[in-house]
Every structure is written in structure tokens, then in C-alpha cells.
């Protein structure tokens, strides 16, 4: 399974990457999902920036075309440990991103993001791929 990060969803909705669109078309839809945390981030961004009806409709169409997975309770212990470790080393990446990473770990899913530098702070067992400019799997800090 592939869990799409917020920035990848933005690329999709704003049609900023043909490479990304090609990769998505080649991936069976049942293997694609987003976390409810990602959905919340997108909705917050659109509400906060007041981006207009066209973008809101694009977001709603996107949410209707992909699995939106509830954040699972069994991700909470992983989140707690990851966030504490990151914060103690001065590498905190923010609570939403740690929640999304914990969600991917619980699912044993690959997190698809264009922000691999950011998520590399988490390390194994998080699997990360960048479908915008670098195809192929990477297991970070393994």
C-alpha cells in the first residue's frame, strides 16, 4: 500500500507533476490511500488561505477518488516514541507529519512524499518514495 503525504496530494490537485500522474495511473487504485490527518491538513490549508471554489472542488473530487483512512489507535505508541526521539534530538518535524509517518508504519505502507529530506529524520522502519522526481523505493536510515 502507498500512503500519500500532503505535499503529494497538493501536487496532484494542482496538476504540478506529469511524472506523478503517470506513476498514479500505473498504480492500482486499491493500493493508494491518504490518512485522515492528510485530509485535515489539506482542508485546513484551503480554509486558511481561502483558495477559492475551484480548488475546494478539486479537493472534494480527490477525496472522493481515494481511500481516506482513519488514524488508527495502534499508531499512538509509535507516534509517541517517534515524536519524543525527534524532539529530544532537535529534529522535530511537527506533529501532523509524525502522525502520518506513524500511520504509514502501522500499515506497513510506503509513504509517498516530495519531502524526503524532512521524513528522513524518522528513519526505519518508515519506507519513503518520491514520485515527483525520483522513482523507486528507499528505506531511509536502514
N, C-alpha and C. Protein backbone atom coordinates (compact mmCIF):
# COMPACT_ATOMS: atom_id res chain seq x y z
N UNK A 1 0.84 -1.18 0.00
CA UNK A 1 0.00 0.00 0.00
C UNK A 1 0.89 1.25 0.00
N UNK A 2 0.38 2.31 -0.61
CA UNK A 2 1.06 3.60 -0.66
C UNK A 2 0.18 4.64 0.03
N UNK A 3 0.76 5.30 1.03
CA UNK A 3 0.07 6.37 1.74
C UNK A 3 0.63 7.69 1.22
N UNK A 4 -0.23 8.50 0.62
CA UNK A 4 0.22 9.75 0.01
C UNK A 4 0.28 10.85 1.06
N UNK A 5 1.40 11.56 1.09
CA UNK A 5 1.59 12.69 2.02
C UNK A 5 0.88 13.93 1.47
N UNK A 6 0.73 14.89 2.32
CA UNK A 6 0.00 16.12 1.98
C UNK A 6 0.60 16.83 0.77
N UNK A 7 1.93 16.93 0.72
CA UNK A 7 2.53 17.67 -0.41
C UNK A 7 2.28 16.96 -1.73
N UNK A 8 2.27 15.63 -1.73
CA UNK A 8 1.99 14.88 -2.96
C UNK A 8 0.54 15.13 -3.39
N UNK A 9 -0.37 15.17 -2.44
CA UNK A 9 -1.77 15.45 -2.76
C UNK A 9 -1.91 16.84 -3.38
N UNK A 10 -1.17 17.79 -2.88
CA UNK A 10 -1.19 19.14 -3.45
C UNK A 10 -0.68 19.13 -4.89
N UNK A 11 0.41 18.40 -5.12
CA UNK A 11 0.92 18.26 -6.48
C UNK A 11 -0.15 17.70 -7.41
N UNK A 12 -0.88 16.70 -6.91
CA UNK A 12 -1.92 16.08 -7.72
C UNK A 12 -3.05 17.05 -8.04
N UNK A 13 -3.58 17.68 -7.01
CA UNK A 13 -4.74 18.55 -7.18
C UNK A 13 -4.42 19.78 -8.00
N UNK A 14 -3.17 20.21 -7.94
CA UNK A 14 -2.76 21.40 -8.70
C UNK A 14 -2.08 21.01 -10.01
N UNK A 15 -2.06 19.71 -10.31
CA UNK A 15 -1.50 19.19 -11.56
C UNK A 15 -0.11 19.74 -11.85
N UNK A 16 0.79 19.59 -10.87
CA UNK A 16 2.14 20.14 -11.00
C UNK A 16 3.20 19.13 -11.42
N UNK A 17 2.82 17.85 -11.63
CA UNK A 17 3.84 16.87 -11.97
C UNK A 17 3.27 15.78 -12.88
N UNK A 18 3.73 15.75 -14.11
CA UNK A 18 3.28 14.71 -15.02
C UNK A 18 3.87 13.35 -14.62
N UNK A 19 5.07 13.34 -14.06
CA UNK A 19 5.69 12.10 -13.60
C UNK A 19 4.82 11.48 -12.51
N UNK A 20 4.33 12.29 -11.59
CA UNK A 20 3.46 11.83 -10.52
C UNK A 20 2.17 11.26 -11.08
N UNK A 21 1.55 11.95 -12.02
CA UNK A 21 0.31 11.47 -12.62
C UNK A 21 0.53 10.13 -13.33
N UNK A 22 1.65 9.98 -14.02
CA UNK A 22 1.95 8.72 -14.69
C UNK A 22 2.10 7.59 -13.69
N UNK A 23 2.80 7.85 -12.59
CA UNK A 23 3.00 6.83 -11.56
C UNK A 23 1.67 6.43 -10.93
N UNK A 24 0.80 7.40 -10.69
CA UNK A 24 -0.51 7.10 -10.10
C UNK A 24 -1.37 6.27 -11.05
N UNK A 25 -1.35 6.62 -12.32
CA UNK A 25 -2.12 5.86 -13.31
C UNK A 25 -1.64 4.41 -13.40
N UNK A 26 -0.36 4.19 -13.14
CA UNK A 26 0.22 2.85 -13.23
C UNK A 26 0.03 2.04 -11.93
N UNK A 27 -0.49 2.66 -10.89
CA UNK A 27 -0.67 2.01 -9.60
C UNK A 27 -2.14 1.65 -9.40
N UNK A 28 -2.44 0.40 -9.06
CA UNK A 28 -3.84 0.04 -8.82
C UNK A 28 -4.46 0.92 -7.73
N UNK A 29 -5.65 1.45 -7.96
CA UNK A 29 -6.28 2.38 -7.01
C UNK A 29 -6.44 1.80 -5.60
N UNK A 30 -6.62 0.49 -5.50
CA UNK A 30 -6.81 -0.11 -4.18
C UNK A 30 -5.52 -0.09 -3.34
N UNK A 31 -4.39 0.23 -3.97
CA UNK A 31 -3.13 0.33 -3.25
C UNK A 31 -2.81 1.76 -2.81
N UNK A 32 -3.68 2.71 -3.12
CA UNK A 32 -3.46 4.12 -2.80
C UNK A 32 -4.40 4.58 -1.70
N UNK A 33 -3.88 5.38 -0.78
CA UNK A 33 -4.71 5.92 0.29
C UNK A 33 -4.06 7.18 0.84
N UNK A 34 -4.86 7.92 1.60
CA UNK A 34 -4.33 9.03 2.39
C UNK A 34 -4.82 8.84 3.82
N UNK A 35 -4.10 9.42 4.74
CA UNK A 35 -4.51 9.42 6.14
C UNK A 35 -5.55 10.53 6.34
N UNK A 36 -6.44 10.31 7.28
CA UNK A 36 -7.39 11.37 7.65
C UNK A 36 -6.63 12.61 8.12
N UNK A 37 -5.42 12.43 8.63
CA UNK A 37 -4.58 13.56 9.04
C UNK A 37 -4.22 14.40 7.81
N UNK A 38 -3.89 13.75 6.72
CA UNK A 38 -3.60 14.45 5.46
C UNK A 38 -4.82 15.20 4.96
N UNK A 39 -5.98 14.55 5.01
CA UNK A 39 -7.21 15.21 4.59
C UNK A 39 -7.44 16.48 5.43
N UNK A 40 -7.23 16.37 6.73
CA UNK A 40 -7.38 17.53 7.60
C UNK A 40 -6.41 18.65 7.27
N UNK A 41 -5.17 18.30 6.97
CA UNK A 41 -4.18 19.31 6.60
C UNK A 41 -4.59 20.04 5.32
N UNK A 42 -5.08 19.30 4.35
CA UNK A 42 -5.50 19.91 3.08
C UNK A 42 -6.68 20.84 3.31
N UNK A 43 -7.67 20.37 4.05
CA UNK A 43 -8.85 21.20 4.31
C UNK A 43 -8.49 22.44 5.11
N UNK A 44 -7.59 22.30 6.07
CA UNK A 44 -7.13 23.46 6.83
C UNK A 44 -6.46 24.47 5.90
N UNK A 45 -5.56 23.98 5.05
CA UNK A 45 -4.84 24.88 4.15
C UNK A 45 -5.77 25.65 3.24
N UNK A 46 -6.77 24.97 2.70
CA UNK A 46 -7.71 25.65 1.82
C UNK A 46 -8.57 26.65 2.57
N UNK A 47 -8.99 26.30 3.78
CA UNK A 47 -9.80 27.23 4.57
C UNK A 47 -8.97 28.43 5.02
N UNK A 48 -7.74 28.16 5.44
CA UNK A 48 -6.88 29.23 5.96
C UNK A 48 -6.49 30.22 4.86
N UNK A 49 -6.16 29.68 3.70
CA UNK A 49 -5.70 30.52 2.60
C UNK A 49 -6.84 31.04 1.74
N UNK A 50 -8.07 30.56 2.02
CA UNK A 50 -9.25 30.96 1.25
C UNK A 50 -8.95 30.87 -0.25
N UNK A 51 -8.61 29.67 -0.70
CA UNK A 51 -8.12 29.47 -2.06
C UNK A 51 -9.18 29.40 -3.15
N UNK A 52 -10.41 29.50 -2.78
CA UNK A 52 -11.43 29.59 -3.81
C UNK A 52 -12.13 28.28 -4.11
N UNK A 53 -13.24 28.42 -4.81
CA UNK A 53 -14.13 27.31 -5.09
C UNK A 53 -13.49 26.26 -5.99
N UNK A 54 -12.74 26.66 -6.99
CA UNK A 54 -12.14 25.69 -7.92
C UNK A 54 -11.24 24.71 -7.17
N UNK A 55 -10.41 25.20 -6.29
CA UNK A 55 -9.50 24.33 -5.55
C UNK A 55 -10.25 23.49 -4.51
N UNK A 56 -11.28 24.06 -3.92
CA UNK A 56 -12.08 23.29 -2.97
C UNK A 56 -12.79 22.14 -3.69
N UNK A 57 -13.31 22.39 -4.88
CA UNK A 57 -13.96 21.34 -5.65
C UNK A 57 -12.95 20.27 -6.07
N UNK A 58 -11.75 20.68 -6.41
CA UNK A 58 -10.70 19.72 -6.77
C UNK A 58 -10.36 18.84 -5.56
N UNK A 59 -10.31 19.44 -4.38
CA UNK A 59 -10.03 18.67 -3.17
C UNK A 59 -11.15 17.67 -2.90
N UNK A 60 -12.39 18.11 -3.00
CA UNK A 60 -13.52 17.21 -2.76
C UNK A 60 -13.53 16.06 -3.77
N UNK A 61 -13.24 16.36 -5.03
CA UNK A 61 -13.17 15.31 -6.05
C UNK A 61 -12.05 14.33 -5.72
N UNK A 62 -10.92 14.85 -5.29
CA UNK A 62 -9.79 14.00 -4.91
C UNK A 62 -10.17 13.09 -3.76
N UNK A 63 -10.79 13.64 -2.71
CA UNK A 63 -11.18 12.84 -1.55
C UNK A 63 -12.18 11.75 -1.94
N UNK A 64 -13.00 12.01 -2.94
CA UNK A 64 -13.95 11.01 -3.41
C UNK A 64 -13.32 9.93 -4.26
N UNK A 65 -12.08 10.15 -4.70
CA UNK A 65 -11.44 9.19 -5.61
C UNK A 65 -10.36 8.34 -4.94
N UNK A 66 -10.13 8.56 -3.65
CA UNK A 66 -9.05 7.83 -2.97
C UNK A 66 -9.54 7.39 -1.59
N UNK A 67 -8.98 6.29 -1.11
CA UNK A 67 -9.32 5.84 0.24
C UNK A 67 -8.79 6.85 1.26
N UNK A 68 -9.64 7.30 2.16
CA UNK A 68 -9.23 8.15 3.27
C UNK A 68 -9.32 7.27 4.52
N UNK A 69 -8.18 6.98 5.13
CA UNK A 69 -8.12 6.04 6.24
C UNK A 69 -8.10 6.78 7.57
N UNK A 70 -8.97 6.33 8.49
CA UNK A 70 -8.95 6.87 9.84
C UNK A 70 -7.59 6.62 10.47
N UNK A 71 -7.17 7.55 11.34
CA UNK A 71 -5.91 7.37 12.03
C UNK A 71 -6.11 6.29 13.09
N UNK A 72 -5.33 5.21 13.05
CA UNK A 72 -5.57 4.07 13.94
C UNK A 72 -4.97 4.28 15.33
N UNK A 73 -5.69 3.77 16.32
CA UNK A 73 -5.23 3.89 17.71
C UNK A 73 -3.89 3.20 17.93
N UNK A 74 -3.62 2.12 17.18
CA UNK A 74 -2.34 1.43 17.38
C UNK A 74 -1.15 2.20 16.80
N UNK A 75 -1.41 3.34 16.17
CA UNK A 75 -0.31 4.22 15.74
C UNK A 75 0.14 5.14 16.87
N UNK A 76 -0.68 5.27 17.91
CA UNK A 76 -0.36 6.19 19.01
C UNK A 76 0.96 5.88 19.71
N UNK A 77 1.24 4.63 20.07
CA UNK A 77 2.54 4.36 20.71
C UNK A 77 3.73 4.67 19.79
N UNK A 78 3.58 4.38 18.51
CA UNK A 78 4.66 4.68 17.56
C UNK A 78 4.84 6.19 17.47
N UNK A 79 3.73 6.91 17.34
CA UNK A 79 3.79 8.38 17.30
C UNK A 79 4.51 8.92 18.53
N UNK A 80 4.11 8.44 19.72
CA UNK A 80 4.72 8.94 20.96
C UNK A 80 6.22 8.74 21.00
N UNK A 81 6.66 7.54 20.64
CA UNK A 81 8.10 7.26 20.66
C UNK A 81 8.85 8.08 19.61
N UNK A 82 8.28 8.15 18.38
CA UNK A 82 8.94 8.91 17.32
C UNK A 82 9.06 10.38 17.68
N UNK A 83 7.96 10.96 18.13
CA UNK A 83 7.95 12.39 18.43
C UNK A 83 8.91 12.71 19.55
N UNK A 84 8.95 11.87 20.59
CA UNK A 84 9.87 12.10 21.71
C UNK A 84 11.32 12.03 21.23
N UNK A 85 11.63 11.02 20.40
CA UNK A 85 13.00 10.89 19.89
C UNK A 85 13.39 12.08 19.03
N UNK A 86 12.50 12.49 18.13
CA UNK A 86 12.80 13.62 17.25
C UNK A 86 12.97 14.91 18.04
N UNK A 87 12.09 15.13 19.00
CA UNK A 87 12.15 16.35 19.80
C UNK A 87 13.42 16.38 20.65
N UNK A 88 13.80 15.23 21.20
CA UNK A 88 14.99 15.18 22.07
C UNK A 88 16.28 15.41 21.29
N UNK A 89 16.26 15.15 19.99
CA UNK A 89 17.46 15.36 19.18
C UNK A 89 17.41 16.67 18.38
N UNK A 90 16.37 17.47 18.61
CA UNK A 90 16.25 18.74 17.90
C UNK A 90 15.84 18.56 16.45
N UNK A 91 15.24 17.42 16.13
CA UNK A 91 14.87 17.10 14.74
C UNK A 91 13.36 17.05 14.54
N UNK A 92 12.60 17.66 15.41
CA UNK A 92 11.14 17.55 15.34
C UNK A 92 10.64 18.05 13.98
N UNK A 93 9.71 17.29 13.40
CA UNK A 93 9.16 17.64 12.08
C UNK A 93 7.71 18.07 12.16
N UNK A 94 7.17 18.16 13.36
CA UNK A 94 5.79 18.59 13.53
C UNK A 94 4.87 17.41 13.77
N UNK A 95 3.86 17.66 14.56
CA UNK A 95 3.01 16.55 14.99
C UNK A 95 2.23 15.91 13.86
N UNK A 96 1.71 16.67 12.89
CA UNK A 96 0.96 16.05 11.80
C UNK A 96 1.82 15.11 10.97
N UNK A 97 3.04 15.52 10.67
CA UNK A 97 3.91 14.66 9.87
C UNK A 97 4.31 13.40 10.63
N UNK A 98 4.52 13.52 11.94
CA UNK A 98 4.83 12.33 12.73
C UNK A 98 3.61 11.41 12.79
N UNK A 99 2.41 11.99 12.88
CA UNK A 99 1.19 11.17 12.86
C UNK A 99 1.05 10.43 11.53
N UNK A 100 1.33 11.11 10.43
CA UNK A 100 1.24 10.48 9.11
C UNK A 100 2.29 9.37 8.98
N UNK A 101 3.51 9.64 9.46
CA UNK A 101 4.56 8.62 9.41
C UNK A 101 4.19 7.41 10.26
N UNK A 102 3.66 7.64 11.46
CA UNK A 102 3.25 6.53 12.33
C UNK A 102 2.13 5.72 11.66
N UNK A 103 1.23 6.41 10.98
CA UNK A 103 0.15 5.73 10.26
C UNK A 103 0.74 4.82 9.18
N UNK A 104 1.69 5.33 8.42
CA UNK A 104 2.33 4.52 7.37
C UNK A 104 3.05 3.31 7.97
N UNK A 105 3.72 3.50 9.09
CA UNK A 105 4.44 2.40 9.73
C UNK A 105 3.47 1.31 10.18
N UNK A 106 2.38 1.70 10.82
CA UNK A 106 1.38 0.72 11.28
C UNK A 106 0.81 -0.08 10.11
N UNK A 107 0.59 0.58 8.99
CA UNK A 107 0.04 -0.10 7.81
C UNK A 107 1.09 -0.90 7.04
N UNK A 108 2.36 -0.72 7.40
CA UNK A 108 3.48 -1.24 6.61
C UNK A 108 3.37 -0.73 5.18
N UNK A 109 2.95 0.52 5.07
CA UNK A 109 2.78 1.19 3.77
C UNK A 109 4.01 2.02 3.46
N UNK A 110 4.18 2.32 2.20
CA UNK A 110 5.22 3.24 1.76
C UNK A 110 4.63 4.64 1.74
N UNK A 111 5.29 5.57 2.40
CA UNK A 111 4.85 6.96 2.40
C UNK A 111 5.38 7.63 1.13
N UNK A 112 4.47 8.18 0.35
CA UNK A 112 4.85 8.87 -0.89
C UNK A 112 4.86 10.36 -0.59
N UNK A 113 6.03 10.98 -0.76
CA UNK A 113 6.21 12.39 -0.43
C UNK A 113 7.29 13.00 -1.31
N UNK A 114 7.20 14.29 -1.49
CA UNK A 114 8.28 15.02 -2.15
C UNK A 114 9.20 15.62 -1.10
N UNK A 115 8.93 15.34 0.15
CA UNK A 115 9.69 15.91 1.25
C UNK A 115 10.52 14.82 1.93
N UNK A 116 11.32 14.12 1.15
CA UNK A 116 12.10 13.01 1.70
C UNK A 116 13.15 13.49 2.71
N UNK A 117 13.69 14.67 2.53
CA UNK A 117 14.68 15.20 3.49
C UNK A 117 14.05 15.34 4.87
N UNK A 118 12.84 15.84 4.89
CA UNK A 118 12.09 16.03 6.13
C UNK A 118 11.81 14.68 6.80
N UNK A 119 11.26 13.74 6.05
CA UNK A 119 10.88 12.45 6.62
C UNK A 119 12.08 11.54 6.87
N UNK A 120 13.25 11.85 6.31
CA UNK A 120 14.43 11.03 6.57
C UNK A 120 14.84 11.09 8.03
N UNK A 121 14.38 12.10 8.75
CA UNK A 121 14.68 12.21 10.19
C UNK A 121 14.04 11.08 10.98
N UNK A 122 13.02 10.45 10.44
CA UNK A 122 12.33 9.37 11.15
C UNK A 122 13.11 8.07 11.04
N UNK A 123 13.58 7.74 9.86
CA UNK A 123 14.35 6.52 9.68
C UNK A 123 13.50 5.26 9.64
N UNK A 124 14.18 4.12 9.64
CA UNK A 124 13.50 2.82 9.58
C UNK A 124 12.65 2.65 10.84
N UNK A 125 11.50 2.02 10.70
CA UNK A 125 11.02 1.23 9.58
C UNK A 125 10.18 2.00 8.56
N UNK A 126 10.21 3.33 8.59
CA UNK A 126 9.42 4.10 7.63
C UNK A 126 10.02 3.94 6.23
N UNK A 127 9.18 3.54 5.29
CA UNK A 127 9.58 3.42 3.89
C UNK A 127 9.04 4.65 3.16
N UNK A 128 9.89 5.28 2.36
CA UNK A 128 9.53 6.53 1.69
C UNK A 128 9.90 6.46 0.22
N UNK A 129 8.99 6.95 -0.63
CA UNK A 129 9.28 7.12 -2.05
C UNK A 129 8.89 8.53 -2.47
N UNK A 130 9.64 9.05 -3.44
CA UNK A 130 9.31 10.34 -4.04
C UNK A 130 8.88 10.07 -5.47
N UNK A 131 7.61 10.28 -5.76
CA UNK A 131 7.08 10.03 -7.10
C UNK A 131 7.09 11.28 -7.97
N UNK A 132 7.62 12.36 -7.46
CA UNK A 132 7.66 13.59 -8.25
C UNK A 132 8.88 13.60 -9.16
N UNK A 133 10.04 13.27 -8.61
CA UNK A 133 11.23 13.36 -9.46
C UNK A 133 12.18 12.18 -9.33
N UNK A 134 11.99 11.33 -8.34
CA UNK A 134 12.90 10.20 -8.16
C UNK A 134 12.08 8.93 -7.95
N UNK A 135 11.81 8.15 -8.98
CA UNK A 135 11.06 6.91 -8.79
C UNK A 135 11.89 5.87 -8.05
N UNK A 136 11.20 4.94 -7.44
CA UNK A 136 11.86 3.82 -6.79
C UNK A 136 11.82 3.90 -5.28
N UNK A 137 11.81 2.74 -4.61
CA UNK A 137 11.71 2.71 -3.15
C UNK A 137 13.03 3.05 -2.48
N UNK A 138 12.90 3.63 -1.31
CA UNK A 138 14.06 3.89 -0.46
C UNK A 138 13.65 3.58 0.96
N UNK A 139 14.49 2.83 1.67
CA UNK A 139 14.27 2.61 3.09
C UNK A 139 15.26 3.54 3.78
N UNK A 140 14.74 4.57 4.42
CA UNK A 140 15.59 5.60 4.98
C UNK A 140 16.27 5.15 6.26
N UNK A 141 17.54 5.49 6.39
CA UNK A 141 18.34 5.22 7.58
C UNK A 141 18.32 3.76 8.00
N UNK A 142 18.35 2.87 7.03
CA UNK A 142 18.35 1.44 7.40
C UNK A 142 19.75 0.93 7.55
